[in-house]
Every structure is written in C-alpha cells, then in structure tokens.
Amino acid sequence: MEDIDPQGADHSIHSVLRERIVEHLFVGRALQRLWQIGITDVEVLRSEFDAGGYDLVMSYGNLVRHIQLKVSVVNATTRSITASLKLQERPSGCVLWIVVEPCLDIASYRWFGDSPGKPLPGIEKMRVAKHARGNSSGHKAERPNQRVIPVSSFKRIESLEEVLTTLLGVNFPLQAKASEPSQPSQSVVLGAGDSLQSTIESDHQVIVDV
C-alpha cells in the first residue's frame, strides 16, 4: 500500500490530473446550483482535443459559450495565462480561471470575456506566448497562435452564482431576508428597595446591588 501524504498530491507533478478534477468539480457544482433554481436544460460538452482553444462548451437556450479553463493554487505566483487566438472565433468565447486550495476546494474565480452573446475581447495585440521549455541552446520559441493574458485583465469573482450569471445570464432569486435580530438584553441594577419581580417580567438581565 502506498504511503498517504497528508498534504495531498504534488501540484507541479500532477497538474493535468488537477485540471481534470477541478473541471469535473466545476461542472457538477454548476449543474447542481442550476438544478436548485429549476434550470435543467443547460448542456455541457467537453473538447477531447484543445484544437479550438476551449475546454468546455455550455449552452442555455440560444446562448452558446466556449470556455477555456485555467487552474492555479491559492498564493501561487502565477501572474498570467495563455489563450489561443482561435478562442476569438468561437461564439461567446471566454476564459475562466479557477483558483483552488491545495486540497482542490474552489476558493475563487477570475473571468476574462464579455457579456453573453458577445465574442472574446481582442487579444491579438497582447504579448505572444513562448514555449515553456527551451531548445538545446536554451532558446524558447514563440507560439504565434497563443497570447499572454495578464492577471490584471481578469475580473475577480467570488461566488459560483456570479460565475453562472456572467456565463449564461442566469438571474438567481434574491435570498430571503434574515429574521430581525433579537433585542439585546439590558442590565438593570436593583437597589435594596426595588421590585425584583417586575424587573424579571420585563425580560431584562438582573444585577442585584447588595
């Protein structure tokens, strides 16, 4: 039996597996949340090969979203991601960057795209990406169809509901208002001649001054 690491798997070694797990988590939770508000006609398709610059397709009514997923860990030094120019050619193309805890719980989201029905904002003038590894002389060749999108171009999103609204235009019902908070108890100091019974009936905290 293999030893169990209480810190979890090594993210640098198992990054592909991590992305697959997070993709499944996101799709499952998104469909679950939509189910909870009565939406059951959202379709999700997965690209087996990243030739078109996207990982997922989500459709709702007449809207079709082509989504490039990116994953990083909380407090990582990642300051940018790469995206394919082909994503601009897809209907409502966008990039969803999911930030996770080391245990793969989703912490927050980052969003790069436009409103439902509109294409990906232009990225062709952004910096051309390079291969992560260099050749024998250390030179890293350019990837002409890939662009570097800095983290500053992304909008931070905290909740899954806001992600689904941004992606699909879904309007979530307002949460019921919390019940009125109870009135804080009041302290009453009783002198020797005051009535203890009347004070107890008024639901105050009693401090007897002796």
C-alpha atoms as a PDB file:
ATOM      1  CA  MET A   1       0.000   0.000   0.000  1.00  0.00           C
ATOM      2  CA  GLU A   2       1.305   3.440  -0.933  1.00  0.00           C
ATOM      3  CA  ASP A   3       2.003   5.961   1.792  1.00  0.00           C
ATOM      4  CA  ILE A   4      -0.621   8.709   2.099  1.00  0.00           C
ATOM      5  CA  ASP A   5       0.659  12.264   2.045  1.00  0.00           C
ATOM      6  CA  PRO A   6      -1.487  14.392   4.397  1.00  0.00           C
ATOM      7  CA  GLN A   7      -0.563  17.450   2.310  1.00  0.00           C
ATOM      8  CA  GLY A   8      -2.101  15.939  -0.814  1.00  0.00           C
ATOM      9  CA  ALA A   9      -0.596  15.312  -4.236  1.00  0.00           C
ATOM     10  CA  ASP A  10       2.198  17.429  -5.700  1.00  0.00           C
ATOM     11  CA  HIS A  11       0.549  20.082  -7.887  1.00  0.00           C
ATOM     12  CA  SER A  12       3.587  20.543 -10.113  1.00  0.00           C
ATOM     13  CA  ILE A  13       3.735  16.843 -10.958  1.00  0.00           C
ATOM     14  CA  HIS A  14       0.006  16.174 -11.294  1.00  0.00           C
ATOM     15  CA  SER A  15      -1.177  19.434 -12.886  1.00  0.00           C
ATOM     16  CA  VAL A  16      -3.075  17.703 -15.706  1.00  0.00           C
ATOM     17  CA  LEU A  17      -4.938  15.463 -13.263  1.00  0.00           C
ATOM     18  CA  ARG A  18      -5.643  18.508 -11.086  1.00  0.00           C
ATOM     19  CA  GLU A  19      -7.230  20.348 -14.003  1.00  0.00           C
ATOM     20  CA  ARG A  20      -9.431  17.374 -14.868  1.00  0.00           C
ATOM     21  CA  ILE A  21     -10.620  17.073 -11.265  1.00  0.00           C
ATOM     22  CA  VAL A  22     -11.367  20.795 -10.999  1.00  0.00           C
ATOM     23  CA  GLU A  23     -13.191  20.724 -14.332  1.00  0.00           C
ATOM     24  CA  HIS A  24     -15.465  17.928 -13.074  1.00  0.00           C
ATOM     25  CA  LEU A  25     -15.996  19.734  -9.773  1.00  0.00           C
ATOM     26  CA  PHE A  26     -16.958  22.966 -11.520  1.00  0.00           C
ATOM     27  CA  VAL A  27     -19.357  21.322 -13.973  1.00  0.00           C
ATOM     28  CA  GLY A  28     -21.001  19.239 -11.231  1.00  0.00           C
ATOM     29  CA  ARG A  29     -21.469  22.178  -8.873  1.00  0.00           C
ATOM     30  CA  ALA A  30     -22.682  24.456 -11.658  1.00  0.00           C
ATOM     31  CA  LEU A  31     -25.333  21.977 -12.772  1.00  0.00           C
ATOM     32  CA  GLN A  32     -26.304  21.311  -9.155  1.00  0.00           C
ATOM     33  CA  ARG A  33     -26.777  25.025  -8.467  1.00  0.00           C
ATOM     34  CA  LEU A  34     -28.831  25.472 -11.627  1.00  0.00           C
ATOM     35  CA  TRP A  35     -30.950  22.466 -10.647  1.00  0.00           C
ATOM     36  CA  GLN A  36     -31.686  24.135  -7.316  1.00  0.00           C
ATOM     37  CA  ILE A  37     -33.364  27.068  -9.085  1.00  0.00           C
ATOM     38  CA  GLY A  38     -35.232  24.880 -11.561  1.00  0.00           C
ATOM     39  CA  ILE A  39     -32.915  25.167 -14.588  1.00  0.00           C
ATOM     40  CA  THR A  40     -32.357  21.727 -16.107  1.00  0.00           C
ATOM     41  CA  ASP A  41     -31.792  22.492 -19.802  1.00  0.00           C
ATOM     42  CA  VAL A  42     -28.158  23.617 -19.737  1.00  0.00           C
ATOM     43  CA  GLU A  43     -25.987  21.374 -21.914  1.00  0.00           C
ATOM     44  CA  VAL A  44     -22.280  20.804 -21.300  1.00  0.00           C
ATOM     45  CA  LEU A  45     -19.907  19.436 -23.922  1.00  0.00           C
ATOM     46  CA  ARG A  46     -16.228  18.700 -23.448  1.00  0.00           C
ATOM     47  CA  SER A  47     -13.476  19.071 -26.028  1.00  0.00           C
ATOM     48  CA  GLU A  48     -11.277  15.984 -26.187  1.00  0.00           C
ATOM     49  CA  PHE A  49      -8.551  17.879 -28.017  1.00  0.00           C
ATOM     50  CA  ASP A  50      -7.719  21.539 -27.417  1.00  0.00           C
ATOM     51  CA  ALA A  51      -7.526  22.494 -31.092  1.00  0.00           C
ATOM     52  CA  GLY A  52     -10.144  25.235 -30.939  1.00  0.00           C
ATOM     53  CA  GLY A  53      -8.781  26.992 -27.863  1.00  0.00           C
ATOM     54  CA  TYR A  54     -11.506  25.872 -25.467  1.00  0.00           C
ATOM     55  CA  ASP A  55     -12.145  23.078 -22.964  1.00  0.00           C
ATOM     56  CA  LEU A  56     -15.895  23.257 -22.385  1.00  0.00           C
ATOM     57  CA  VAL A  57     -18.996  24.312 -24.264  1.00  0.00           C
ATOM     58  CA  MET A  58     -22.050  25.334 -22.236  1.00  0.00           C
ATOM     59  CA  SER A  59     -25.341  26.137 -23.921  1.00  0.00           C
ATOM     60  CA  TYR A  60     -28.506  27.602 -22.452  1.00  0.00           C
ATOM     61  CA  GLY A  61     -31.369  28.463 -24.772  1.00  0.00           C
ATOM     62  CA  ASN A  62     -29.868  30.241 -27.786  1.00  0.00           C
ATOM     63  CA  LEU A  63     -26.645  31.071 -25.949  1.00  0.00           C
ATOM     64  CA  VAL A  64     -23.502  29.039 -26.564  1.00  0.00           C
ATOM     65  CA  ARG A  65     -20.350  29.640 -24.512  1.00  0.00           C
ATOM     66  CA  HIS A  66     -16.914  28.303 -25.469  1.00  0.00           C
ATOM     67  CA  ILE A  67     -14.857  28.277 -22.273  1.00  0.00           C
ATOM     68  CA  GLN A  68     -11.118  27.967 -21.777  1.00  0.00           C
ATOM     69  CA  LEU A  69     -10.460  26.709 -18.239  1.00  0.00           C
ATOM     70  CA  LYS A  70      -7.321  27.527 -16.279  1.00  0.00           C
ATOM     71  CA  VAL A  71      -6.456  26.367 -12.771  1.00  0.00           C
ATOM     72  CA  SER A  72      -3.986  27.674 -10.197  1.00  0.00           C
ATOM     73  CA  VAL A  73      -3.459  27.283  -6.467  1.00  0.00           C
ATOM     74  CA  VAL A  74      -4.095  29.955  -3.843  1.00  0.00           C
ATOM     75  CA  ASN A  75      -0.974  32.087  -3.237  1.00  0.00           C
ATOM     76  CA  ALA A  76       0.678  30.810  -6.411  1.00  0.00           C
ATOM     77  CA  THR A  77       2.994  33.232  -8.196  1.00  0.00           C
ATOM     78  CA  THR A  78       1.135  32.830 -11.496  1.00  0.00           C
ATOM     79  CA  ARG A  79       0.697  36.315 -12.972  1.00  0.00           C
ATOM     80  CA  SER A  80      -0.666  35.397 -16.392  1.00  0.00           C
ATOM     81  CA  ILE A  81      -2.134  32.622 -18.505  1.00  0.00           C
ATOM     82  CA  THR A  82      -2.052  31.853 -22.218  1.00  0.00           C
ATOM     83  CA  ALA A  83      -5.016  31.630 -24.572  1.00  0.00           C
ATOM     84  CA  SER A  84      -5.420  30.698 -28.217  1.00  0.00           C
ATOM     85  CA  LEU A  85      -6.355  33.265 -30.847  1.00  0.00           C
ATOM     86  CA  LYS A  86      -8.881  30.707 -32.073  1.00  0.00           C
ATOM     87  CA  LEU A  87     -10.968  31.350 -28.975  1.00  0.00           C
ATOM     88  CA  GLN A  88     -11.873  34.716 -30.513  1.00  0.00           C
ATOM     89  CA  GLU A  89     -13.566  32.876 -33.387  1.00  0.00           C
ATOM     90  CA  ARG A  90     -15.888  30.915 -31.097  1.00  0.00           C
ATOM     91  CA  PRO A  91     -19.331  32.131 -30.027  1.00  0.00           C
ATOM     92  CA  SER A  92     -19.060  33.986 -26.724  1.00  0.00           C
ATOM     93  CA  GLY A  93     -15.526  32.749 -26.099  1.00  0.00           C
ATOM     94  CA  CYS A  94     -14.167  33.368 -22.602  1.00  0.00           C
ATOM     95  CA  VAL A  95     -11.524  32.299 -20.102  1.00  0.00           C
ATOM     96  CA  LEU A  96     -12.491  31.069 -16.635  1.00  0.00           C
ATOM     97  CA  TRP A  97      -9.533  30.897 -14.267  1.00  0.00           C
ATOM     98  CA  ILE A  98     -10.348  28.825 -11.187  1.00  0.00           C
ATOM     99  CA  VAL A  99      -8.265  29.314  -8.041  1.00  0.00           C
ATOM    100  CA  VAL A 100      -8.216  26.333  -5.689  1.00  0.00           C
ATOM    101  CA  GLU A 101      -6.945  25.443  -2.250  1.00  0.00           C
ATOM    102  CA  PRO A 102      -4.192  22.792  -2.059  1.00  0.00           C
ATOM    103  CA  CYS A 103      -6.945  20.235  -1.282  1.00  0.00           C
ATOM    104  CA  LEU A 104      -8.693  21.330  -4.553  1.00  0.00           C
ATOM    105  CA  ASP A 105     -11.593  23.123  -2.876  1.00  0.00           C
ATOM    106  CA  ILE A 106     -12.536  26.054  -5.116  1.00  0.00           C
ATOM    107  CA  ALA A 107     -11.540  29.354  -3.485  1.00  0.00           C
ATOM    108  CA  SER A 108     -12.445  31.948  -6.139  1.00  0.00           C
ATOM    109  CA  TYR A 109     -12.722  32.623  -9.842  1.00  0.00           C
ATOM    110  CA  ARG A 110     -11.207  35.014 -12.364  1.00  0.00           C
ATOM    111  CA  TRP A 111     -13.041  35.959 -15.521  1.00  0.00           C
ATOM    112  CA  PHE A 112     -11.946  37.257 -18.919  1.00  0.00           C
ATOM    113  CA  GLY A 113     -14.663  37.695 -21.504  1.00  0.00           C
ATOM    114  CA  ASP A 114     -17.692  39.735 -22.449  1.00  0.00           C
ATOM    115  CA  SER A 115     -21.409  39.584 -21.785  1.00  0.00           C
ATOM    116  CA  PRO A 116     -23.443  36.623 -23.092  1.00  0.00           C
ATOM    117  CA  GLY A 117     -23.680  36.657 -26.876  1.00  0.00           C
ATOM    118  CA  LYS A 118     -20.562  38.770 -27.405  1.00  0.00           C
ATOM    119  CA  PRO A 119     -17.145  37.469 -28.539  1.00  0.00           C
ATOM    120  CA  LEU A 120     -13.934  37.374 -26.540  1.00  0.00           C
ATOM    121  CA  PRO A 121     -12.329  40.822 -26.209  1.00  0.00           C
ATOM    122  CA  GLY A 122      -9.443  41.203 -28.648  1.00  0.00           C
ATOM    123  CA  ILE A 123      -6.220  39.567 -27.514  1.00  0.00           C
ATOM    124  CA  GLU A 124      -4.259  39.629 -30.781  1.00  0.00           C
ATOM    125  CA  LYS A 125      -2.215  42.661 -29.680  1.00  0.00           C
ATOM    126  CA  MET A 126      -1.180  41.072 -26.389  1.00  0.00           C
ATOM    127  CA  ARG A 127       2.260  39.578 -25.919  1.00  0.00           C
ATOM    128  CA  VAL A 128       2.991  36.451 -27.946  1.00  0.00           C
ATOM    129  CA  ALA A 129       3.434  33.386 -25.754  1.00  0.00           C
ATOM    130  CA  LYS A 130       6.549  31.250 -25.762  1.00  0.00           C
ATOM    131  CA  HIS A 131       7.128  27.565 -25.164  1.00  0.00           C
ATOM    132  CA  ALA A 132       7.808  26.704 -21.532  1.00  0.00           C
ATOM    133  CA  ARG A 133      10.908  24.710 -22.424  1.00  0.00           C
ATOM    134  CA  GLY A 134      13.829  25.888 -24.487  1.00  0.00           C
ATOM    135  CA  ASN A 135      15.765  24.011 -27.145  1.00  0.00           C
ATOM    136  CA  SER A 136      19.285  22.647 -26.659  1.00  0.00           C
ATOM    137  CA  SER A 137      20.685  26.187 -26.633  1.00  0.00           C
ATOM    138  CA  GLY A 138      18.029  27.425 -24.200  1.00  0.00           C
ATOM    139  CA  HIS A 139      16.051  29.416 -26.776  1.00  0.00           C
ATOM    140  CA  LYS A 140      12.292  29.415 -26.199  1.00  0.00           C
ATOM    141  CA  ALA A 141      10.435  29.596 -29.475  1.00  0.00           C
ATOM    142  CA  GLU A 142       7.326  31.723 -29.856  1.00  0.00           C
ATOM    143  CA  ARG A 143       3.854  30.243 -30.119  1.00  0.00           C
ATOM    144  CA  PRO A 144       2.324  32.551 -32.737  1.00  0.00           C
ATOM    145  CA  ASN A 145      -1.267  31.475 -32.123  1.00  0.00           C
ATOM    146  CA  GLN A 146      -1.062  31.955 -28.343  1.00  0.00           C
ATOM    147  CA  ARG A 147      -1.243  35.190 -26.396  1.00  0.00           C
ATOM    148  CA  VAL A 148      -0.332  36.006 -22.790  1.00  0.00           C
ATOM    149  CA  ILE A 149      -3.219  37.469 -20.767  1.00  0.00           C
ATOM    150  CA  PRO A 150      -2.052  39.139 -17.522  1.00  0.00           C
ATOM    151  CA  VAL A 151      -3.956  38.619 -14.298  1.00  0.00           C
ATOM    152  CA  SER A 152      -4.783  42.337 -14.261  1.00  0.00           C
ATOM    153  CA  SER A 153      -7.072  41.781 -17.265  1.00  0.00           C
ATOM    154  CA  PHE A 154      -9.250  39.395 -15.288  1.00  0.00           C
ATOM    155  CA  LYS A 155     -12.236  40.228 -13.123  1.00  0.00           C
ATOM    156  CA  ARG A 156     -12.244  38.516  -9.737  1.00  0.00           C
ATOM    157  CA  ILE A 157     -15.453  36.623  -8.949  1.00  0.00           C
ATOM    158  CA  GLU A 158     -16.115  35.170  -5.508  1.00  0.00           C
ATOM    159  CA  SER A 159     -19.262  33.077  -5.950  1.00  0.00           C
ATOM    160  CA  LEU A 160     -20.484  30.334  -8.260  1.00  0.00           C
ATOM    161  CA  GLU A 161     -23.770  32.198  -8.691  1.00  0.00           C
ATOM    162  CA  GLU A 162     -21.958  35.230 -10.099  1.00  0.00           C
ATOM    163  CA  VAL A 163     -19.987  32.975 -12.445  1.00  0.00           C
ATOM    164  CA  LEU A 164     -23.200  31.445 -13.812  1.00  0.00           C
ATOM    165  CA  THR A 165     -24.796  34.861 -14.205  1.00  0.00           C
ATOM    166  CA  THR A 166     -21.725  36.067 -16.085  1.00  0.00           C
ATOM    167  CA  LEU A 167     -21.539  32.951 -18.248  1.00  0.00           C
ATOM    168  CA  LEU A 168     -25.183  32.289 -19.030  1.00  0.00           C
ATOM    169  CA  GLY A 169     -27.102  35.368 -17.969  1.00  0.00           C
ATOM    170  CA  VAL A 170     -28.942  33.395 -15.290  1.00  0.00           C
ATOM    171  CA  ASN A 171     -30.726  35.507 -12.684  1.00  0.00           C
ATOM    172  CA  PHE A 172     -30.700  33.978  -9.227  1.00  0.00           C
ATOM    173  CA  PRO A 173     -33.566  34.762  -6.852  1.00  0.00           C
ATOM    174  CA  LEU A 174     -32.716  37.086  -4.018  1.00  0.00           C
ATOM    175  CA  GLN A 175     -32.127  35.300  -0.761  1.00  0.00           C
ATOM    176  CA  ALA A 176     -34.814  35.757   1.852  1.00  0.00           C
ATOM    177  CA  LYS A 177     -34.051  38.483   4.314  1.00  0.00           C
ATOM    178  CA  ALA A 178     -32.658  37.302   7.570  1.00  0.00           C
ATOM    179  CA  SER A 179     -35.032  37.451  10.505  1.00  0.00           C
ATOM    180  CA  GLU A 180     -34.890  40.542  12.633  1.00  0.00           C
ATOM    181  CA  PRO A 181     -32.180  40.251  15.260  1.00  0.00           C
ATOM    182  CA  SER A 182     -33.445  39.933  18.777  1.00  0.00           C
ATOM    183  CA  GLN A 183     -33.125  42.956  21.000  1.00  0.00           C
ATOM    184  CA  PRO A 184     -30.057  42.798  23.228  1.00  0.00           C
ATOM    185  CA  SER A 185     -30.776  42.268  26.863  1.00  0.00           C
ATOM    186  CA  GLN A 186     -30.433  45.244  29.152  1.00  0.00           C
ATOM    187  CA  SER A 187     -28.767  45.241  32.506  1.00  0.00           C
ATOM    188  CA  VAL A 188     -30.659  46.749  35.412  1.00  0.00           C
ATOM    189  CA  VAL A 189     -29.085  47.462  38.777  1.00  0.00           C
ATOM    190  CA  LEU A 190     -31.527  46.998  41.622  1.00  0.00           C
ATOM    191  CA  GLY A 191     -31.299  48.864  44.840  1.00  0.00           C
ATOM    192  CA  ALA A 192     -32.456  47.368  48.102  1.00  0.00           C
ATOM    193  CA  GLY A 193     -35.963  48.842  47.768  1.00  0.00           C
ATOM    194  CA  ASP A 194     -36.629  47.959  44.092  1.00  0.00           C
ATOM    195  CA  SER A 195     -39.013  45.232  42.943  1.00  0.00           C
ATOM    196  CA  LEU A 196     -37.188  42.169  41.628  1.00  0.00           C
ATOM    197  CA  GLN A 197     -40.382  40.537  40.271  1.00  0.00           C
ATOM    198  CA  SER A 198     -41.327  43.442  37.970  1.00  0.00           C
ATOM    199  CA  THR A 199     -37.840  43.529  36.540  1.00  0.00           C
ATOM    200  CA  ILE A 200     -37.821  39.786  35.779  1.00  0.00           C
ATOM    201  CA  GLU A 201     -41.181  40.103  33.946  1.00  0.00           C
ATOM    202  CA  SER A 202     -39.721  42.822  31.669  1.00  0.00           C
ATOM    203  CA  ASP A 203     -37.125  40.287  30.384  1.00  0.00           C
ATOM    204  CA  HIS A 204     -34.089  42.235  31.491  1.00  0.00           C
ATOM    205  CA  GLN A 205     -30.850  40.893  32.822  1.00  0.00           C
ATOM    206  CA  VAL A 206     -30.797  41.492  36.547  1.00  0.00           C
ATOM    207  CA  ILE A 207     -27.826  42.538  38.600  1.00  0.00           C
ATOM    208  CA  VAL A 208     -28.618  42.814  42.287  1.00  0.00           C
ATOM    209  CA  ASP A 209     -26.761  45.559  44.083  1.00  0.00           C
ATOM    210  CA  VAL A 210     -26.118  44.384  47.601  1.00  0.00           C
END
